[in-house]
Structure formats: C-alpha cells, structure tokens
Amino acid sequence: MRDMVIKGRYVDAGVSGERHPFAKLSWQKVRSIRKRFKEGETLAALAREFKVTPMAIKFIVVGKNWKEKNVP
C-alpha cells in the first residue's frame, strides 16, 4: 500500500468525476458530449475528438458514468 501511495497509484474510492486523478474529461466536456450526441453526432466521432473510447462515450450518454448527482 505504501508503494502504491508513493507512486501516485492510490485513488480514494470516494473520488469521482473530474476530481478523479485519471479523469480525461470535465463536466463541461461531458455535458457537451451529451448535447452533441442528442443532436446526432456519432459515438465514434465524439470518442475520437475527446480521445476516449466509444464505449466511454456510450456510458456517458446513457448515464452509467458521469452521473449528474456527482457534480461538485
């Protein structure tokens, strides 16, 4: 455990969203993704632009990840 903490690999289970140290997105980007998907952009196009996987985009638009109740 000490080694993990020293190397910066420890993540508190209560940290989520843009406060998570490995987050690639912000709430602003997530809201933009949801809006643009509703307007007809594809998962693949959004994934390329935001440098995440299409599955990550899918989880965002269906509400599995980045739930609004976690907004700071």
N, C-alpha and C. Protein backbone atom coordinates (compact mmCIF):
# COMPACT_ATOMS: atom_id res chain seq x y z
N MET A 1 0.83 -1.19 0.00
CA MET A 1 0.00 0.00 0.00
C MET A 1 0.88 1.25 0.00
N ARG A 2 1.91 1.25 0.79
CA ARG A 2 2.78 2.42 0.86
C ARG A 2 3.40 2.71 -0.51
N ASP A 3 3.86 1.66 -1.19
CA ASP A 3 4.46 1.81 -2.51
C ASP A 3 3.45 2.41 -3.49
N MET A 4 2.22 1.95 -3.43
CA MET A 4 1.18 2.44 -4.31
C MET A 4 0.94 3.94 -4.08
N VAL A 5 0.90 4.33 -2.82
CA VAL A 5 0.67 5.73 -2.49
C VAL A 5 1.86 6.58 -2.95
N ILE A 6 3.07 6.12 -2.69
CA ILE A 6 4.27 6.86 -3.08
C ILE A 6 4.32 7.07 -4.59
N LYS A 7 3.91 6.07 -5.36
CA LYS A 7 3.97 6.15 -6.82
C LYS A 7 2.74 6.83 -7.43
N GLY A 8 1.84 7.30 -6.58
CA GLY A 8 0.67 8.02 -7.07
C GLY A 8 -0.40 7.14 -7.70
N ARG A 9 -0.46 5.89 -7.29
CA ARG A 9 -1.43 4.96 -7.87
C ARG A 9 -2.65 4.73 -6.98
N TYR A 10 -2.67 5.34 -5.85
CA TYR A 10 -3.79 5.18 -4.93
C TYR A 10 -4.87 6.19 -5.27
N VAL A 11 -6.08 5.70 -5.38
CA VAL A 11 -7.22 6.58 -5.64
C VAL A 11 -8.28 6.30 -4.60
N ASP A 12 -8.67 7.32 -3.88
CA ASP A 12 -9.72 7.19 -2.88
C ASP A 12 -11.02 6.79 -3.57
N ALA A 13 -11.70 5.78 -3.04
CA ALA A 13 -12.94 5.28 -3.66
C ALA A 13 -14.02 6.35 -3.75
N GLY A 14 -13.95 7.36 -2.90
CA GLY A 14 -14.97 8.41 -2.90
C GLY A 14 -14.73 9.51 -3.92
N VAL A 15 -13.61 9.46 -4.64
CA VAL A 15 -13.29 10.49 -5.62
C VAL A 15 -13.85 10.09 -6.98
N SER A 16 -14.58 11.00 -7.59
CA SER A 16 -15.17 10.68 -8.90
C SER A 16 -15.22 11.93 -9.76
N GLY A 17 -15.64 11.72 -11.00
CA GLY A 17 -15.78 12.85 -11.92
C GLY A 17 -14.44 13.48 -12.25
N GLU A 18 -14.44 14.77 -12.47
CA GLU A 18 -13.22 15.45 -12.87
C GLU A 18 -12.21 15.55 -11.73
N ARG A 19 -12.62 15.26 -10.50
CA ARG A 19 -11.69 15.26 -9.37
C ARG A 19 -10.86 13.98 -9.32
N HIS A 20 -11.27 12.96 -10.07
CA HIS A 20 -10.51 11.71 -10.10
C HIS A 20 -9.17 11.98 -10.81
N PRO A 21 -8.06 11.52 -10.25
CA PRO A 21 -6.76 11.86 -10.84
C PRO A 21 -6.53 11.34 -12.26
N PHE A 22 -7.26 10.34 -12.69
CA PHE A 22 -7.08 9.80 -14.04
C PHE A 22 -8.16 10.26 -15.01
N ALA A 23 -9.02 11.19 -14.60
CA ALA A 23 -10.10 11.67 -15.45
C ALA A 23 -9.55 12.37 -16.69
N LYS A 24 -10.13 12.04 -17.84
CA LYS A 24 -9.73 12.68 -19.09
C LYS A 24 -10.73 13.77 -19.49
N LEU A 25 -11.87 13.78 -18.82
CA LEU A 25 -12.93 14.71 -19.18
C LEU A 25 -13.28 15.60 -18.00
N SER A 26 -13.98 16.68 -18.29
CA SER A 26 -14.51 17.58 -17.27
C SER A 26 -16.03 17.56 -17.40
N TRP A 27 -16.71 18.15 -16.41
CA TRP A 27 -18.17 18.21 -16.50
C TRP A 27 -18.61 19.01 -17.73
N GLN A 28 -17.88 20.03 -18.07
CA GLN A 28 -18.21 20.84 -19.25
C GLN A 28 -18.15 19.97 -20.51
N LYS A 29 -17.12 19.15 -20.64
CA LYS A 29 -16.99 18.27 -21.80
C LYS A 29 -18.08 17.21 -21.81
N VAL A 30 -18.40 16.66 -20.64
CA VAL A 30 -19.43 15.63 -20.55
C VAL A 30 -20.78 16.19 -21.00
N ARG A 31 -21.11 17.38 -20.56
CA ARG A 31 -22.38 18.00 -20.98
C ARG A 31 -22.39 18.28 -22.47
N SER A 32 -21.25 18.67 -23.00
CA SER A 32 -21.13 18.91 -24.44
C SER A 32 -21.33 17.61 -25.21
N ILE A 33 -20.74 16.53 -24.73
CA ILE A 33 -20.89 15.21 -25.36
C ILE A 33 -22.35 14.81 -25.40
N ARG A 34 -23.04 14.94 -24.28
CA ARG A 34 -24.47 14.56 -24.22
C ARG A 34 -25.30 15.39 -25.19
N LYS A 35 -25.04 16.68 -25.22
CA LYS A 35 -25.80 17.57 -26.10
C LYS A 35 -25.55 17.22 -27.57
N ARG A 36 -24.29 17.05 -27.92
CA ARG A 36 -23.94 16.78 -29.31
C ARG A 36 -24.42 15.41 -29.75
N PHE A 37 -24.43 14.43 -28.86
CA PHE A 37 -24.96 13.12 -29.21
C PHE A 37 -26.46 13.22 -29.51
N LYS A 38 -27.19 13.97 -28.69
CA LYS A 38 -28.62 14.18 -28.92
C LYS A 38 -28.88 14.89 -30.24
N GLU A 39 -27.92 15.71 -30.66
CA GLU A 39 -28.06 16.43 -31.93
C GLU A 39 -27.65 15.58 -33.13
N GLY A 40 -27.18 14.34 -32.87
CA GLY A 40 -26.92 13.43 -33.98
C GLY A 40 -25.49 13.01 -34.22
N GLU A 41 -24.54 13.53 -33.45
CA GLU A 41 -23.15 13.09 -33.66
C GLU A 41 -22.99 11.64 -33.20
N THR A 42 -22.08 10.95 -33.83
CA THR A 42 -21.89 9.53 -33.53
C THR A 42 -20.97 9.33 -32.33
N LEU A 43 -21.09 8.14 -31.72
CA LEU A 43 -20.21 7.77 -30.61
C LEU A 43 -18.75 7.81 -31.07
N ALA A 44 -18.49 7.24 -32.25
CA ALA A 44 -17.12 7.16 -32.76
C ALA A 44 -16.50 8.54 -32.98
N ALA A 45 -17.27 9.46 -33.55
CA ALA A 45 -16.76 10.80 -33.82
C ALA A 45 -16.46 11.53 -32.51
N LEU A 46 -17.35 11.41 -31.55
CA LEU A 46 -17.14 12.05 -30.25
C LEU A 46 -15.94 11.43 -29.54
N ALA A 47 -15.81 10.12 -29.62
CA ALA A 47 -14.69 9.42 -28.98
C ALA A 47 -13.36 9.89 -29.55
N ARG A 48 -13.29 10.02 -30.86
CA ARG A 48 -12.04 10.50 -31.49
C ARG A 48 -11.70 11.90 -31.02
N GLU A 49 -12.69 12.77 -31.01
CA GLU A 49 -12.45 14.16 -30.63
C GLU A 49 -11.99 14.30 -29.18
N PHE A 50 -12.62 13.54 -28.28
CA PHE A 50 -12.31 13.66 -26.86
C PHE A 50 -11.26 12.67 -26.38
N LYS A 51 -10.72 11.87 -27.32
CA LYS A 51 -9.64 10.93 -27.03
C LYS A 51 -9.99 9.92 -25.94
N VAL A 52 -11.20 9.37 -26.06
CA VAL A 52 -11.65 8.28 -25.20
C VAL A 52 -12.27 7.22 -26.10
N THR A 53 -12.66 6.10 -25.54
CA THR A 53 -13.25 5.03 -26.35
C THR A 53 -14.72 5.31 -26.65
N PRO A 54 -15.23 4.72 -27.73
CA PRO A 54 -16.67 4.84 -28.00
C PRO A 54 -17.52 4.30 -26.84
N MET A 55 -17.02 3.26 -26.15
CA MET A 55 -17.77 2.71 -25.01
C MET A 55 -17.84 3.74 -23.88
N ALA A 56 -16.78 4.50 -23.67
CA ALA A 56 -16.81 5.55 -22.65
C ALA A 56 -17.87 6.60 -22.99
N ILE A 57 -17.95 6.96 -24.26
CA ILE A 57 -18.97 7.92 -24.70
C ILE A 57 -20.37 7.33 -24.49
N LYS A 58 -20.53 6.07 -24.84
CA LYS A 58 -21.83 5.41 -24.67
C LYS A 58 -22.25 5.44 -23.21
N PHE A 59 -21.33 5.10 -22.30
CA PHE A 59 -21.66 5.11 -20.88
C PHE A 59 -22.02 6.50 -20.38
N ILE A 60 -21.42 7.51 -20.97
CA ILE A 60 -21.75 8.90 -20.60
C ILE A 60 -23.16 9.24 -21.06
N VAL A 61 -23.49 8.94 -22.32
CA VAL A 61 -24.79 9.36 -22.85
C VAL A 61 -25.95 8.57 -22.27
N VAL A 62 -25.73 7.33 -21.85
CA VAL A 62 -26.82 6.55 -21.24
C VAL A 62 -26.90 6.77 -19.73
N GLY A 63 -25.93 7.50 -19.17
CA GLY A 63 -25.98 7.84 -17.75
C GLY A 63 -25.34 6.83 -16.82
N LYS A 64 -24.60 5.89 -17.36
CA LYS A 64 -23.94 4.91 -16.48
C LYS A 64 -22.74 5.54 -15.79
N ASN A 65 -22.02 6.40 -16.47
CA ASN A 65 -20.88 7.13 -15.91
C ASN A 65 -21.18 8.61 -15.92
N TRP A 66 -20.50 9.35 -15.08
CA TRP A 66 -20.64 10.80 -15.01
C TRP A 66 -22.10 11.17 -14.69
N LYS A 67 -22.61 10.63 -13.60
CA LYS A 67 -23.98 10.92 -13.17
C LYS A 67 -24.05 12.34 -12.61
N GLU A 68 -25.07 13.05 -12.97
CA GLU A 68 -25.22 14.46 -12.58
C GLU A 68 -25.27 14.64 -11.06
N LYS A 69 -25.68 13.65 -10.31
CA LYS A 69 -25.72 13.82 -8.85
C LYS A 69 -24.33 13.97 -8.25
N ASN A 70 -23.28 13.61 -9.02
CA ASN A 70 -21.90 13.73 -8.53
C ASN A 70 -21.27 15.07 -8.86
N VAL A 71 -22.04 15.98 -9.40
CA VAL A 71 -21.50 17.29 -9.79
C VAL A 71 -21.05 18.03 -8.54
N PRO A 72 -19.83 18.57 -8.54
CA PRO A 72 -19.34 19.30 -7.36
C PRO A 72 -20.11 20.59 -7.12
